Amino acid sequence: MCSPNRILVESDINDVDKCSERTWDMLQIVAQVKGWNIEDKWVEEIEEGKWGAVRKLEENWKAFKRGNHVPFEQQDAG
């Protein structure tokens, strides 16, 4: 039910040596639930329709970092 452009993954595990592994676990769960593939190689220039989970979440992070978010209710109306 979550909008695909609103998803971020993180781990709040308190052991820094396990954060990457747990974040990868979350990425795999999100990809499975959303039906997204996970890239097995990185291509710099790729059209949006071919993005995998890593690229989609990277773009979500960039948008989150930029700020100025449109409330979800207004996204559908505009």
Protein backbone atom coordinates (compact mmCIF):
# COMPACT_ATOMS: atom_id res chain seq x y z
CA MET A 1 0.00 0.00 0.00
CA CYS A 2 2.98 2.31 0.43
CA SER A 3 3.79 4.61 -2.45
CA PRO A 4 6.97 3.32 -4.14
CA ASN A 5 8.59 6.76 -4.04
CA ARG A 6 8.18 6.98 -0.25
CA ILE A 7 10.14 3.86 0.73
CA LEU A 8 13.52 3.96 2.45
CA VAL A 9 15.29 1.09 4.20
CA GLU A 10 17.47 1.24 7.26
CA SER A 11 18.60 -0.85 10.15
CA ASP A 12 18.56 0.34 13.73
CA ILE A 13 20.61 -2.60 14.97
CA ASN A 14 23.11 -1.40 17.54
CA ASP A 15 26.07 -3.36 16.11
CA VAL A 16 27.73 -1.42 13.27
CA ASP A 17 29.26 -4.64 11.93
CA LYS A 18 25.77 -6.01 11.24
CA CYS A 19 24.06 -2.88 9.83
CA SER A 20 24.88 -3.54 6.18
CA GLU A 21 23.67 -7.13 6.40
CA ARG A 22 20.39 -6.13 8.07
CA THR A 23 19.83 -3.27 5.60
CA TRP A 24 20.36 -5.73 2.74
CA ASP A 25 17.78 -8.02 4.36
CA MET A 26 15.28 -5.16 4.40
CA LEU A 27 16.03 -4.30 0.77
CA GLN A 28 15.30 -7.90 -0.21
CA ILE A 29 12.00 -7.89 1.70
CA VAL A 30 10.88 -4.62 0.09
CA ALA A 31 11.85 -5.90 -3.37
CA GLN A 32 9.95 -9.14 -2.84
CA VAL A 33 6.80 -7.41 -1.55
CA LYS A 34 6.83 -4.77 -4.31
CA GLY A 35 7.77 -7.25 -7.06
CA TRP A 36 10.97 -5.38 -7.91
CA ASN A 37 14.13 -6.99 -9.22
CA ILE A 38 17.42 -6.34 -7.45
CA GLU A 39 20.23 -5.20 -9.70
CA ASP A 40 23.11 -7.64 -10.14
CA LYS A 41 25.25 -4.97 -11.84
CA TRP A 42 25.22 -1.19 -11.86
CA VAL A 43 24.51 0.66 -15.11
CA GLU A 44 25.02 4.42 -14.86
CA GLU A 45 22.49 5.46 -17.50
CA ILE A 46 19.30 3.43 -17.47
CA GLU A 47 15.72 4.42 -18.17
CA GLU A 48 13.45 4.68 -15.15
CA GLY A 49 11.19 1.83 -16.27
CA LYS A 50 14.13 -0.57 -15.93
CA TRP A 51 15.23 0.49 -12.45
CA GLY A 52 15.65 -2.18 -9.83
CA ALA A 53 15.15 -1.88 -6.08
CA VAL A 54 18.57 -0.39 -5.36
CA ARG A 55 18.16 2.40 -7.93
CA LYS A 56 14.59 3.14 -6.80
CA LEU A 57 15.64 3.39 -3.17
CA GLU A 58 18.65 5.52 -4.11
CA GLU A 59 16.35 7.99 -5.87
CA ASN A 60 13.98 7.96 -2.87
CA TRP A 61 16.90 8.81 -0.59
CA LYS A 62 17.99 11.68 -2.86
CA ALA A 63 14.45 13.10 -2.86
CA PHE A 64 14.20 12.72 0.92
CA LYS A 65 17.53 14.50 1.37
CA ARG A 66 16.45 17.39 -0.89
CA GLY A 67 13.32 17.97 1.20
CA ASN A 68 10.37 20.11 0.10
CA HIS A 69 8.12 17.05 0.09
CA VAL A 70 4.63 17.28 -1.32
CA PRO A 71 2.10 15.79 1.10
CA PHE A 72 0.93 12.38 -0.15
CA GLU A 73 -2.68 13.54 -0.50
CA GLN A 74 -1.59 16.32 -2.90
CA GLN A 75 0.49 13.99 -5.08
CA ASP A 76 -2.57 12.21 -6.43
CA ALA A 77 -4.50 15.45 -6.95
CA GLY A 78 -1.76 17.21 -8.88
